[in-house]
Amino acid sequence: MNEQQGYLEHGTAAERWDRGVLFFDAKEYAKAARVLLTVTAEAPEQLAPRLLLARAYYHSAQLSPAEHELRAILEQWPVEDYARLMLGRTLERQGRAAEAAPHLRMAAAMAGEFKE
């Protein structure tokens, strides 16, 4: 294990969560994802770290892991409208607009955004 990886994985889950948020806020998305992955592995029942992990994957162009995490989130929390929106955008970014469309429509409806 290299020194940086040790730093990323060091500390309690709460300390790693804080570190992941700091990396995310600093737009160090790949580092944030590496830290948050350890938090989500330890506490998979926590929604906030999983959503931030998916966002970090998305922003660091790790679209396949983002999609996987978002689908897992929606399996556990099917009414999580932000995860639904992110999944739609992740699919769009992968050139899968037809697959994205129902997720984007559902997210908009869940957020109360109806077309006139």
PDB file of N, CA and C in Angstrom:
ATOM      1  N   MET A   1       0.855  -1.178   0.000  1.00  0.00           N
ATOM      2  CA  MET A   1       0.000   0.000   0.000  1.00  0.00           C
ATOM      3  C   MET A   1       0.897   1.235   0.000  1.00  0.00           C
ATOM      4  N   ASN A   2       0.604   2.173  -0.887  1.00  0.00           N
ATOM      5  CA  ASN A   2       1.419   3.382  -0.908  1.00  0.00           C
ATOM      6  C   ASN A   2       0.948   4.335   0.185  1.00  0.00           C
ATOM      7  N   GLU A   3       1.773   5.349   0.433  1.00  0.00           N
ATOM      8  CA  GLU A   3       1.509   6.281   1.530  1.00  0.00           C
ATOM      9  C   GLU A   3       0.191   7.026   1.357  1.00  0.00           C
ATOM     10  N   GLN A   4      -0.098   7.486   0.121  1.00  0.00           N
ATOM     11  CA  GLN A   4      -1.338   8.224  -0.105  1.00  0.00           C
ATOM     12  C   GLN A   4      -2.552   7.337   0.122  1.00  0.00           C
ATOM     13  N   GLN A   5      -2.498   6.096  -0.368  1.00  0.00           N
ATOM     14  CA  GLN A   5      -3.630   5.187  -0.165  1.00  0.00           C
ATOM     15  C   GLN A   5      -3.860   4.950   1.320  1.00  0.00           C
ATOM     16  N   GLY A   6      -2.769   4.829   2.092  1.00  0.00           N
ATOM     17  CA  GLY A   6      -2.904   4.664   3.537  1.00  0.00           C
ATOM     18  C   GLY A   6      -3.608   5.843   4.170  1.00  0.00           C
ATOM     19  N   TYR A   7      -3.264   7.045   3.723  1.00  0.00           N
ATOM     20  CA  TYR A   7      -3.913   8.252   4.237  1.00  0.00           C
ATOM     21  C   TYR A   7      -5.398   8.250   3.893  1.00  0.00           C
ATOM     22  N   LEU A   8      -5.720   7.863   2.684  1.00  0.00           N
ATOM     23  CA  LEU A   8      -7.114   7.876   2.257  1.00  0.00           C
ATOM     24  C   LEU A   8      -7.965   6.913   3.069  1.00  0.00           C
ATOM     25  N   GLU A   9      -7.390   5.790   3.476  1.00  0.00           N
ATOM     26  CA  GLU A   9      -8.143   4.768   4.205  1.00  0.00           C
ATOM     27  C   GLU A   9      -8.013   4.876   5.717  1.00  0.00           C
ATOM     28  N   HIS A  10      -7.207   5.808   6.197  1.00  0.00           N
ATOM     29  CA  HIS A  10      -6.930   5.936   7.627  1.00  0.00           C
ATOM     30  C   HIS A  10      -8.107   6.564   8.369  1.00  0.00           C
ATOM     31  N   GLY A  11      -8.307   6.145   9.610  1.00  0.00           N
ATOM     32  CA  GLY A  11      -9.267   6.788  10.500  1.00  0.00           C
ATOM     33  C   GLY A  11     -10.606   6.081  10.577  1.00  0.00           C
ATOM     34  N   THR A  12     -11.459   6.668  11.387  1.00  0.00           N
ATOM     35  CA  THR A  12     -12.805   6.125  11.570  1.00  0.00           C
ATOM     36  C   THR A  12     -13.649   6.419  10.330  1.00  0.00           C
ATOM     37  N   ALA A  13     -14.800   5.789  10.265  1.00  0.00           N
ATOM     38  CA  ALA A  13     -15.709   6.051   9.146  1.00  0.00           C
ATOM     39  C   ALA A  13     -16.101   7.525   9.115  1.00  0.00           C
ATOM     40  N   ALA A  14     -16.315   8.127  10.267  1.00  0.00           N
ATOM     41  CA  ALA A  14     -16.682   9.552  10.319  1.00  0.00           C
ATOM     42  C   ALA A  14     -15.545  10.431   9.808  1.00  0.00           C
ATOM     43  N   GLU A  15     -14.320  10.100  10.173  1.00  0.00           N
ATOM     44  CA  GLU A  15     -13.164  10.868   9.690  1.00  0.00           C
ATOM     45  C   GLU A  15     -13.002  10.708   8.181  1.00  0.00           C
ATOM     46  N   ARG A  16     -13.198   9.486   7.693  1.00  0.00           N
ATOM     47  CA  ARG A  16     -13.097   9.252   6.251  1.00  0.00           C
ATOM     48  C   ARG A  16     -14.226   9.951   5.508  1.00  0.00           C
ATOM     49  N   TRP A  17     -15.417   9.978   6.094  1.00  0.00           N
ATOM     50  CA  TRP A  17     -16.536  10.713   5.489  1.00  0.00           C
ATOM     51  C   TRP A  17     -16.155  12.188   5.341  1.00  0.00           C
ATOM     52  N   ASP A  18     -15.644  12.776   6.425  1.00  0.00           N
ATOM     53  CA  ASP A  18     -15.230  14.180   6.379  1.00  0.00           C
ATOM     54  C   ASP A  18     -14.153  14.403   5.319  1.00  0.00           C
ATOM     55  N   ARG A  19     -13.202  13.493   5.233  1.00  0.00           N
ATOM     56  CA  ARG A  19     -12.134  13.591   4.239  1.00  0.00           C
ATOM     57  C   ARG A  19     -12.703  13.482   2.818  1.00  0.00           C
ATOM     58  N   GLY A  20     -13.639  12.560   2.627  1.00  0.00           N
ATOM     59  CA  GLY A  20     -14.278  12.405   1.323  1.00  0.00           C
ATOM     60  C   GLY A  20     -15.019  13.660   0.914  1.00  0.00           C
ATOM     61  N   VAL A  21     -15.726  14.281   1.852  1.00  0.00           N
ATOM     62  CA  VAL A  21     -16.441  15.524   1.571  1.00  0.00           C
ATOM     63  C   VAL A  21     -15.450  16.629   1.204  1.00  0.00           C
ATOM     64  N   LEU A  22     -14.343  16.702   1.937  1.00  0.00           N
ATOM     65  CA  LEU A  22     -13.320  17.718   1.631  1.00  0.00           C
ATOM     66  C   LEU A  22     -12.770  17.531   0.219  1.00  0.00           C
ATOM     67  N   PHE A  23     -12.432  16.291  -0.124  1.00  0.00           N
ATOM     68  CA  PHE A  23     -11.930  16.030  -1.479  1.00  0.00           C
ATOM     69  C   PHE A  23     -12.992  16.381  -2.519  1.00  0.00           C
ATOM     70  N   PHE A  24     -14.241  16.021  -2.257  1.00  0.00           N
ATOM     71  CA  PHE A  24     -15.318  16.322  -3.208  1.00  0.00           C
ATOM     72  C   PHE A  24     -15.451  17.834  -3.380  1.00  0.00           C
ATOM     73  N   ASP A  25     -15.497  18.556  -2.261  1.00  0.00           N
ATOM     74  CA  ASP A  25     -15.636  20.011  -2.324  1.00  0.00           C
ATOM     75  C   ASP A  25     -14.460  20.673  -3.038  1.00  0.00           C
ATOM     76  N   ALA A  26     -13.282  20.039  -2.960  1.00  0.00           N
ATOM     77  CA  ALA A  26     -12.090  20.555  -3.641  1.00  0.00           C
ATOM     78  C   ALA A  26     -12.033  20.100  -5.101  1.00  0.00           C
ATOM     79  N   LYS A  27     -13.077  19.406  -5.537  1.00  0.00           N
ATOM     80  CA  LYS A  27     -13.173  18.878  -6.909  1.00  0.00           C
ATOM     81  C   LYS A  27     -12.104  17.834  -7.211  1.00  0.00           C
ATOM     82  N   GLU A  28     -11.659  17.146  -6.171  1.00  0.00           N
ATOM     83  CA  GLU A  28     -10.740  16.008  -6.295  1.00  0.00           C
ATOM     84  C   GLU A  28     -11.617  14.752  -6.271  1.00  0.00           C
ATOM     85  N   TYR A  29     -12.403  14.592  -7.336  1.00  0.00           N
ATOM     86  CA  TYR A  29     -13.461  13.580  -7.342  1.00  0.00           C
ATOM     87  C   TYR A  29     -12.952  12.151  -7.279  1.00  0.00           C
ATOM     88  N   ALA A  30     -11.863  11.844  -7.963  1.00  0.00           N
ATOM     89  CA  ALA A  30     -11.335  10.475  -7.933  1.00  0.00           C
ATOM     90  C   ALA A  30     -10.854  10.116  -6.524  1.00  0.00           C
ATOM     91  N   LYS A  31     -10.183  11.062  -5.853  1.00  0.00           N
ATOM     92  CA  LYS A  31      -9.750  10.810  -4.474  1.00  0.00           C
ATOM     93  C   LYS A  31     -10.957  10.675  -3.561  1.00  0.00           C
ATOM     94  N   ALA A  32     -11.947  11.536  -3.751  1.00  0.00           N
ATOM     95  CA  ALA A  32     -13.164  11.448  -2.944  1.00  0.00           C
ATOM     96  C   ALA A  32     -13.802  10.073  -3.095  1.00  0.00           C
ATOM     97  N   ALA A  33     -13.856   9.578  -4.329  1.00  0.00           N
ATOM     98  CA  ALA A  33     -14.456   8.265  -4.566  1.00  0.00           C
ATOM     99  C   ALA A  33     -13.685   7.166  -3.832  1.00  0.00           C
ATOM    100  N   ARG A  34     -12.362   7.234  -3.871  1.00  0.00           N
ATOM    101  CA  ARG A  34     -11.565   6.201  -3.191  1.00  0.00           C
ATOM    102  C   ARG A  34     -11.822   6.209  -1.694  1.00  0.00           C
ATOM    103  N   VAL A  35     -11.933   7.393  -1.104  1.00  0.00           N
ATOM    104  CA  VAL A  35     -12.206   7.485   0.329  1.00  0.00           C
ATOM    105  C   VAL A  35     -13.623   7.016   0.627  1.00  0.00           C
ATOM    106  N   LEU A  36     -14.587   7.519  -0.135  1.00  0.00           N
ATOM    107  CA  LEU A  36     -15.992   7.206   0.135  1.00  0.00           C
ATOM    108  C   LEU A  36     -16.312   5.741  -0.083  1.00  0.00           C
ATOM    109  N   LEU A  37     -15.581   5.086  -0.964  1.00  0.00           N
ATOM    110  CA  LEU A  37     -15.788   3.655  -1.173  1.00  0.00           C
ATOM    111  C   LEU A  37     -15.534   2.882   0.114  1.00  0.00           C
ATOM    112  N   THR A  38     -14.545   3.308   0.895  1.00  0.00           N
ATOM    113  CA  THR A  38     -14.272   2.621   2.169  1.00  0.00           C
ATOM    114  C   THR A  38     -15.385   2.877   3.178  1.00  0.00           C
ATOM    115  N   VAL A  39     -15.966   4.070   3.130  1.00  0.00           N
ATOM    116  CA  VAL A  39     -17.067   4.403   4.047  1.00  0.00           C
ATOM    117  C   VAL A  39     -18.304   3.596   3.687  1.00  0.00           C
ATOM    118  N   THR A  40     -18.622   3.537   2.401  1.00  0.00           N
ATOM    119  CA  THR A  40     -19.830   2.812   1.991  1.00  0.00           C
ATOM    120  C   THR A  40     -19.690   1.310   2.204  1.00  0.00           C
ATOM    121  N   ALA A  41     -18.476   0.802   2.090  1.00  0.00           N
ATOM    122  CA  ALA A  41     -18.266  -0.629   2.352  1.00  0.00           C
ATOM    123  C   ALA A  41     -18.530  -0.942   3.822  1.00  0.00           C
ATOM    124  N   GLU A  42     -18.189  -0.002   4.668  1.00  0.00           N
ATOM    125  CA  GLU A  42     -18.361  -0.190   6.112  1.00  0.00           C
ATOM    126  C   GLU A  42     -19.796   0.072   6.567  1.00  0.00           C
ATOM    127  N   ALA A  43     -20.482   0.986   5.878  1.00  0.00           N
ATOM    128  CA  ALA A  43     -21.847   1.358   6.280  1.00  0.00           C
ATOM    129  C   ALA A  43     -22.748   1.452   5.051  1.00  0.00           C
ATOM    130  N   PRO A  44     -23.049   0.307   4.400  1.00  0.00           N
ATOM    131  CA  PRO A  44     -23.846   0.342   3.167  1.00  0.00           C
ATOM    132  C   PRO A  44     -25.282   0.817   3.379  1.00  0.00           C
ATOM    133  N   GLU A  45     -25.731   0.839   4.616  1.00  0.00           N
ATOM    134  CA  GLU A  45     -27.104   1.267   4.901  1.00  0.00           C
ATOM    135  C   GLU A  45     -27.242   2.786   4.974  1.00  0.00           C
ATOM    136  N   GLN A  46     -26.139   3.511   4.862  1.00  0.00           N
ATOM    137  CA  GLN A  46     -26.157   4.965   4.922  1.00  0.00           C
ATOM    138  C   GLN A  46     -26.296   5.554   3.518  1.00  0.00           C
ATOM    139  N   LEU A  47     -27.346   6.322   3.298  1.00  0.00           N
ATOM    140  CA  LEU A  47     -27.617   6.877   1.979  1.00  0.00           C
ATOM    141  C   LEU A  47     -26.645   7.989   1.586  1.00  0.00           C
ATOM    142  N   ALA A  48     -26.357   8.915   2.474  1.00  0.00           N
ATOM    143  CA  ALA A  48     -25.543  10.091   2.118  1.00  0.00           C
ATOM    144  C   ALA A  48     -24.171   9.719   1.554  1.00  0.00           C
ATOM    145  N   PRO A  49     -23.419   8.820   2.186  1.00  0.00           N
ATOM    146  CA  PRO A  49     -22.119   8.465   1.595  1.00  0.00           C
ATOM    147  C   PRO A  49     -22.261   7.793   0.231  1.00  0.00           C
ATOM    148  N   ARG A  50     -23.294   7.009   0.059  1.00  0.00           N
ATOM    149  CA  ARG A  50     -23.486   6.325  -1.218  1.00  0.00           C
ATOM    150  C   ARG A  50     -23.831   7.314  -2.325  1.00  0.00           C
ATOM    151  N   LEU A  51     -24.670   8.296  -2.020  1.00  0.00           N
ATOM    152  CA  LEU A  51     -24.989   9.316  -3.017  1.00  0.00           C
ATOM    153  C   LEU A  51     -23.758  10.145  -3.372  1.00  0.00           C
ATOM    154  N   LEU A  52     -22.972  10.510  -2.363  1.00  0.00           N
ATOM    155  CA  LEU A  52     -21.775  11.297  -2.643  1.00  0.00           C
ATOM    156  C   LEU A  52     -20.759  10.470  -3.424  1.00  0.00           C
ATOM    157  N   LEU A  53     -20.669   9.183  -3.141  1.00  0.00           N
ATOM    158  CA  LEU A  53     -19.791   8.298  -3.908  1.00  0.00           C
ATOM    159  C   LEU A  53     -20.237   8.275  -5.373  1.00  0.00           C
ATOM    160  N   ALA A  54     -21.526   8.127  -5.603  1.00  0.00           N
ATOM    161  CA  ALA A  54     -22.036   8.119  -6.984  1.00  0.00           C
ATOM    162  C   ALA A  54     -21.730   9.438  -7.683  1.00  0.00           C
ATOM    163  N   ARG A  55     -21.898  10.540  -6.975  1.00  0.00           N
ATOM    164  CA  ARG A  55     -21.585  11.851  -7.557  1.00  0.00           C
ATOM    165  C   ARG A  55     -20.106  11.974  -7.865  1.00  0.00           C
ATOM    166  N   ALA A  56     -19.254  11.472  -6.966  1.00  0.00           N
ATOM    167  CA  ALA A  56     -17.804  11.532  -7.191  1.00  0.00           C
ATOM    168  C   ALA A  56     -17.429  10.701  -8.415  1.00  0.00           C
ATOM    169  N   TYR A  57     -18.034   9.524  -8.545  1.00  0.00           N
ATOM    170  CA  TYR A  57     -17.797   8.710  -9.745  1.00  0.00           C
ATOM    171  C   TYR A  57     -18.229   9.471 -10.997  1.00  0.00           C
ATOM    172  N   TYR A  58     -19.413  10.055 -10.953  1.00  0.00           N
ATOM    173  CA  TYR A  58     -19.943  10.784 -12.107  1.00  0.00           C
ATOM    174  C   TYR A  58     -19.007  11.919 -12.509  1.00  0.00           C
ATOM    175  N   HIS A  59     -18.619  12.726 -11.545  1.00  0.00           N
ATOM    176  CA  HIS A  59     -17.786  13.897 -11.839  1.00  0.00           C
ATOM    177  C   HIS A  59     -16.361  13.531 -12.238  1.00  0.00           C
ATOM    178  N   SER A  60     -15.921  12.332 -11.896  1.00  0.00           N
ATOM    179  CA  SER A  60     -14.581  11.901 -12.313  1.00  0.00           C
ATOM    180  C   SER A  60     -14.662  11.014 -13.559  1.00  0.00           C
ATOM    181  N   ALA A  61     -15.819  11.031 -14.221  1.00  0.00           N
ATOM    182  CA  ALA A  61     -16.054  10.293 -15.471  1.00  0.00           C
ATOM    183  C   ALA A  61     -15.905   8.783 -15.304  1.00  0.00           C
ATOM    184  N   GLN A  62     -16.175   8.285 -14.114  1.00  0.00           N
ATOM    185  CA  GLN A  62     -16.228   6.842 -13.871  1.00  0.00           C
ATOM    186  C   GLN A  62     -17.703   6.450 -13.954  1.00  0.00           C
ATOM    187  N   LEU A  63     -18.206   6.441 -15.180  1.00  0.00           N
ATOM    188  CA  LEU A  63     -19.647   6.338 -15.382  1.00  0.00           C
ATOM    189  C   LEU A  63     -20.215   4.960 -15.096  1.00  0.00           C
ATOM    190  N   SER A  64     -19.473   3.922 -15.388  1.00  0.00           N
ATOM    191  CA  SER A  64     -19.964   2.581 -15.093  1.00  0.00           C
ATOM    192  C   SER A  64     -20.096   2.359 -13.577  1.00  0.00           C
ATOM    193  N   PRO A  65     -19.073   2.705 -12.773  1.00  0.00           N
ATOM    194  CA  PRO A  65     -19.259   2.595 -11.322  1.00  0.00           C
ATOM    195  C   PRO A  65     -20.372   3.515 -10.800  1.00  0.00           C
ATOM    196  N   ALA A  66     -20.524   4.704 -11.402  1.00  0.00           N
ATOM    197  CA  ALA A  66     -21.612   5.602 -10.982  1.00  0.00           C
ATOM    198  C   ALA A  66     -22.961   4.942 -11.231  1.00  0.00           C
ATOM    199  N   GLU A  67     -23.117   4.375 -12.423  1.00  0.00           N
ATOM    200  CA  GLU A  67     -24.374   3.698 -12.747  1.00  0.00           C
ATOM    201  C   GLU A  67     -24.644   2.550 -11.781  1.00  0.00           C
ATOM    202  N   HIS A  68     -23.626   1.757 -11.523  1.00  0.00           N
ATOM    203  CA  HIS A  68     -23.777   0.610 -10.607  1.00  0.00           C
ATOM    204  C   HIS A  68     -24.213   1.086  -9.219  1.00  0.00           C
ATOM    205  N   GLU A  69     -23.565   2.115  -8.702  1.00  0.00           N
ATOM    206  CA  GLU A  69     -23.896   2.620  -7.367  1.00  0.00           C
ATOM    207  C   GLU A  69     -25.301   3.205  -7.343  1.00  0.00           C
ATOM    208  N   LEU A  70     -25.667   3.947  -8.374  1.00  0.00           N
ATOM    209  CA  LEU A  70     -27.001   4.547  -8.423  1.00  0.00           C
ATOM    210  C   LEU A  70     -28.089   3.488  -8.512  1.00  0.00           C
ATOM    211  N   ARG A  71     -27.859   2.453  -9.290  1.00  0.00           N
ATOM    212  CA  ARG A  71     -28.856   1.364  -9.360  1.00  0.00           C
ATOM    213  C   ARG A  71     -28.995   0.666  -8.009  1.00  0.00           C
ATOM    214  N   ALA A  72     -27.878   0.487  -7.313  1.00  0.00           N
ATOM    215  CA  ALA A  72     -27.924  -0.132  -5.979  1.00  0.00           C
ATOM    216  C   ALA A  72     -28.678   0.765  -4.995  1.00  0.00           C
ATOM    217  N   ILE A  73     -28.448   2.057  -5.080  1.00  0.00           N
ATOM    218  CA  ILE A  73     -29.171   3.002  -4.216  1.00  0.00           C
ATOM    219  C   ILE A  73     -30.667   2.904  -4.482  1.00  0.00           C
ATOM    220  N   LEU A  74     -31.052   2.915  -5.762  1.00  0.00           N
ATOM    221  CA  LEU A  74     -32.471   2.889  -6.103  1.00  0.00           C
ATOM    222  C   LEU A  74     -33.131   1.561  -5.761  1.00  0.00           C
ATOM    223  N   GLU A  75     -32.351   0.513  -5.722  1.00  0.00           N
ATOM    224  CA  GLU A  75     -32.899  -0.773  -5.284  1.00  0.00           C
ATOM    225  C   GLU A  75     -33.288  -0.702  -3.811  1.00  0.00           C
ATOM    226  N   GLN A  76     -32.469  -0.011  -3.020  1.00  0.00           N
ATOM    227  CA  GLN A  76     -32.736   0.099  -1.585  1.00  0.00           C
ATOM    228  C   GLN A  76     -33.673   1.263  -1.259  1.00  0.00           C
ATOM    229  N   TRP A  77     -33.569   2.364  -2.016  1.00  0.00           N
ATOM    230  CA  TRP A  77     -34.384   3.559  -1.795  1.00  0.00           C
ATOM    231  C   TRP A  77     -35.049   3.956  -3.112  1.00  0.00           C
ATOM    232  N   PRO A  78     -36.105   3.267  -3.525  1.00  0.00           N
ATOM    233  CA  PRO A  78     -36.702   3.506  -4.845  1.00  0.00           C
ATOM    234  C   PRO A  78     -37.309   4.902  -5.034  1.00  0.00           C
ATOM    235  N   VAL A  79     -37.575   5.622  -3.974  1.00  0.00           N
ATOM    236  CA  VAL A  79     -38.160   6.955  -4.105  1.00  0.00           C
ATOM    237  C   VAL A  79     -37.116   8.066  -3.972  1.00  0.00           C
ATOM    238  N   GLU A  80     -35.860   7.731  -4.056  1.00  0.00           N
ATOM    239  CA  GLU A  80     -34.782   8.724  -3.973  1.00  0.00           C
ATOM    240  C   GLU A  80     -34.684   9.441  -5.317  1.00  0.00           C
ATOM    241  N   ASP A  81     -35.364  10.589  -5.421  1.00  0.00           N
ATOM    242  CA  ASP A  81     -35.472  11.272  -6.710  1.00  0.00           C
ATOM    243  C   ASP A  81     -34.137  11.795  -7.234  1.00  0.00           C
ATOM    244  N   TYR A  82     -33.238  12.223  -6.367  1.00  0.00           N
ATOM    245  CA  TYR A  82     -31.950  12.720  -6.835  1.00  0.00           C
ATOM    246  C   TYR A  82     -31.131  11.589  -7.459  1.00  0.00           C
ATOM    247  N   ALA A  83     -31.165  10.415  -6.859  1.00  0.00           N
ATOM    248  CA  ALA A  83     -30.458   9.259  -7.437  1.00  0.00           C
ATOM    249  C   ALA A  83     -31.071   8.900  -8.788  1.00  0.00           C
ATOM    250  N   ARG A  84     -32.375   9.022  -8.902  1.00  0.00           N
ATOM    251  CA  ARG A  84     -33.061   8.736 -10.168  1.00  0.00           C
ATOM    252  C   ARG A  84     -32.599   9.740 -11.240  1.00  0.00           C
ATOM    253  N   LEU A  85     -32.535  11.026 -10.879  1.00  0.00           N
ATOM    254  CA  LEU A  85     -32.054  12.051 -11.800  1.00  0.00           C
ATOM    255  C   LEU A  85     -30.604  11.782 -12.210  1.00  0.00           C
ATOM    256  N   MET A  86     -29.768  11.470 -11.237  1.00  0.00           N
ATOM    257  CA  MET A  86     -28.356  11.194 -11.537  1.00  0.00           C
ATOM    258  C   MET A  86     -28.198   9.979 -12.440  1.00  0.00           C
ATOM    259  N   LEU A  87     -29.014   8.953 -12.207  1.00  0.00           N
ATOM    260  CA  LEU A  87     -28.941   7.769 -13.061  1.00  0.00           C
ATOM    261  C   LEU A  87     -29.296   8.153 -14.494  1.00  0.00           C
ATOM    262  N   GLY A  88     -30.347   8.944 -14.648  1.00  0.00           N
ATOM    263  CA  GLY A  88     -30.716   9.399 -15.990  1.00  0.00           C
ATOM    264  C   GLY A  88     -29.591  10.170 -16.652  1.00  0.00           C
ATOM    265  N   ARG A  89     -28.976  11.057 -15.930  1.00  0.00           N
ATOM    266  CA  ARG A  89     -27.870  11.850 -16.495  1.00  0.00           C
ATOM    267  C   ARG A  89     -26.648  10.990 -16.785  1.00  0.00           C
ATOM    268  N   THR A  90     -26.397  10.014 -15.930  1.00  0.00           N
ATOM    269  CA  THR A  90     -25.264   9.101 -16.151  1.00  0.00           C
ATOM    270  C   THR A  90     -25.484   8.293 -17.423  1.00  0.00           C
ATOM    271  N   LEU A  91     -26.700   7.807 -17.607  1.00  0.00           N
ATOM    272  CA  LEU A  91     -27.015   7.051 -18.820  1.00  0.00           C
ATOM    273  C   LEU A  91     -26.919   7.939 -20.057  1.00  0.00           C
ATOM    274  N   GLU A  92     -27.414   9.169 -19.960  1.00  0.00           N
ATOM    275  CA  GLU A  92     -27.295  10.115 -21.079  1.00  0.00           C
ATOM    276  C   GLU A  92     -25.829  10.330 -21.449  1.00  0.00           C
ATOM    277  N   ARG A  93     -25.017  10.511 -20.439  1.00  0.00           N
ATOM    278  CA  ARG A  93     -23.597  10.793 -20.669  1.00  0.00           C
ATOM    279  C   ARG A  93     -22.891   9.610 -21.323  1.00  0.00           C
ATOM    280  N   GLN A  94     -23.463   8.427 -21.168  1.00  0.00           N
ATOM    281  CA  GLN A  94     -22.919   7.229 -21.811  1.00  0.00           C
ATOM    282  C   GLN A  94     -23.532   7.000 -23.196  1.00  0.00           C
ATOM    283  N   GLY A  95     -24.343   7.960 -23.664  1.00  0.00           N
ATOM    284  CA  GLY A  95     -24.961   7.824 -24.975  1.00  0.00           C
ATOM    285  C   GLY A  95     -26.169   6.911 -24.983  1.00  0.00           C
ATOM    286  N   ARG A  96     -26.819   6.736 -23.841  1.00  0.00           N
ATOM    287  CA  ARG A  96     -27.959   5.835 -23.709  1.00  0.00           C
ATOM    288  C   ARG A  96     -29.223   6.638 -23.387  1.00  0.00           C
ATOM    289  N   ALA A  97     -29.533   7.602 -24.266  1.00  0.00           N
ATOM    290  CA  ALA A  97     -30.632   8.544 -24.027  1.00  0.00           C
ATOM    291  C   ALA A  97     -31.984   7.847 -23.876  1.00  0.00           C
ATOM    292  N   ALA A  98     -32.245   6.839 -24.693  1.00  0.00           N
ATOM    293  CA  ALA A  98     -33.539   6.149 -24.614  1.00  0.00           C
ATOM    294  C   ALA A  98     -33.711   5.461 -23.260  1.00  0.00           C
ATOM    295  N   GLU A  99     -32.634   4.894 -22.751  1.00  0.00           N
ATOM    296  CA  GLU A  99     -32.672   4.241 -21.438  1.00  0.00           C
ATOM    297  C   GLU A  99     -32.767   5.279 -20.322  1.00  0.00           C
ATOM    298  N   ALA A 100     -32.205   6.455 -20.538  1.00  0.00           N
ATOM    299  CA  ALA A 100     -32.207   7.524 -19.534  1.00  0.00           C
ATOM    300  C   ALA A 100     -33.574   8.181 -19.389  1.00  0.00           C
ATOM    301  N   ALA A 101     -34.307   8.297 -20.490  1.00  0.00           N
ATOM    302  CA  ALA A 101     -35.550   9.079 -20.522  1.00  0.00           C
ATOM    303  C   ALA A 101     -36.549   8.722 -19.423  1.00  0.00           C
ATOM    304  N   PRO A 102     -36.870   7.439 -19.201  1.00  0.00           N
ATOM    305  CA  PRO A 102     -37.856   7.157 -18.147  1.00  0.00           C
ATOM    306  C   PRO A 102     -37.378   7.564 -16.752  1.00  0.00           C
ATOM    307  N   HIS A 103     -36.065   7.446 -16.509  1.00  0.00           N
ATOM    308  CA  HIS A 103     -35.524   7.847 -15.204  1.00  0.00           C
ATOM    309  C   HIS A 103     -35.624   9.358 -15.023  1.00  0.00           C
ATOM    310  N   LEU A 104     -35.340  10.097 -16.082  1.00  0.00           N
ATOM    311  CA  LEU A 104     -35.424  11.556 -16.008  1.00  0.00           C
ATOM    312  C   LEU A 104     -36.867  12.018 -15.835  1.00  0.00           C
ATOM    313  N   ARG A 105     -37.805  11.374 -16.541  1.00  0.00           N
ATOM    314  CA  ARG A 105     -39.233  11.718 -16.387  1.00  0.00           C
ATOM    315  C   ARG A 105     -39.697  11.422 -14.962  1.00  0.00           C
ATOM    316  N   MET A 106     -39.309  10.267 -14.442  1.00  0.00           N
ATOM    317  CA  MET A 106     -39.727   9.887 -13.095  1.00  0.00           C
ATOM    318  C   MET A 106     -39.134  10.851 -12.068  1.00  0.00           C
ATOM    319  N   ALA A 107     -37.870  11.223 -12.240  1.00  0.00           N
ATOM    320  CA  ALA A 107     -37.238  12.164 -11.311  1.00  0.00           C
ATOM    321  C   ALA A 107     -37.956  13.505 -11.333  1.00  0.00           C
ATOM    322  N   ALA A 108     -38.312  13.972 -12.525  1.00  0.00           N
ATOM    323  CA  ALA A 108     -39.020  15.241 -12.637  1.00  0.00           C
ATOM    324  C   ALA A 108     -40.391  15.163 -11.965  1.00  0.00           C
ATOM    325  N   ALA A 109     -41.086  14.071 -12.181  1.00  0.00           N
ATOM    326  CA  ALA A 109     -42.401  13.906 -11.559  1.00  0.00           C
ATOM    327  C   ALA A 109     -42.285  13.841 -10.041  1.00  0.00           C
ATOM    328  N   MET A 110     -41.284  13.139  -9.552  1.00  0.00           N
ATOM    329  CA  MET A 110     -41.085  13.016  -8.110  1.00  0.00           C
ATOM    330  C   MET A 110     -40.734  14.365  -7.488  1.00  0.00           C
ATOM    331  N   ALA A 111     -40.070  15.219  -8.254  1.00  0.00           N
ATOM    332  CA  ALA A 111     -39.692  16.542  -7.769  1.00  0.00           C
ATOM    333  C   ALA A 111     -40.802  17.569  -7.986  1.00  0.00           C
ATOM    334  N   GLY A 112     -41.926  17.138  -8.610  1.00  0.00           N
ATOM    335  CA  GLY A 112     -43.050  18.030  -8.833  1.00  0.00           C
ATOM    336  C   GLY A 112     -42.902  18.928 -10.044  1.00  0.00           C
ATOM    337  N   GLU A 113     -42.029  18.523 -10.963  1.00  0.00           N
ATOM    338  CA  GLU A 113     -41.816  19.300 -12.190  1.00  0.00           C
ATOM    339  C   GLU A 113     -42.601  18.651 -13.322  1.00  0.00           C
ATOM    340  N   PHE A 114     -43.745  19.226 -13.630  1.00  0.00           N
ATOM    341  CA  PHE A 114     -44.601  18.671 -14.671  1.00  0.00           C
ATOM    342  C   PHE A 114     -44.578  19.573 -15.885  1.00  0.00           C
ATOM    343  N   LYS A 115     -44.562  18.968 -17.062  1.00  0.00           N
ATOM    344  CA  LYS A 115     -44.627  19.756 -18.293  1.00  0.00           C
ATOM    345  C   LYS A 115     -46.051  20.229 -18.503  1.00  0.00           C
ATOM    346  N   GLU A 116     -46.172  21.450 -18.985  1.00  0.00           N
ATOM    347  CA  GLU A 116     -47.501  22.030 -19.217  1.00  0.00           C
ATOM    348  C   GLU A 116     -47.984  21.716 -20.598  1.00  0.00           C
TER     349      GLU A 116
END
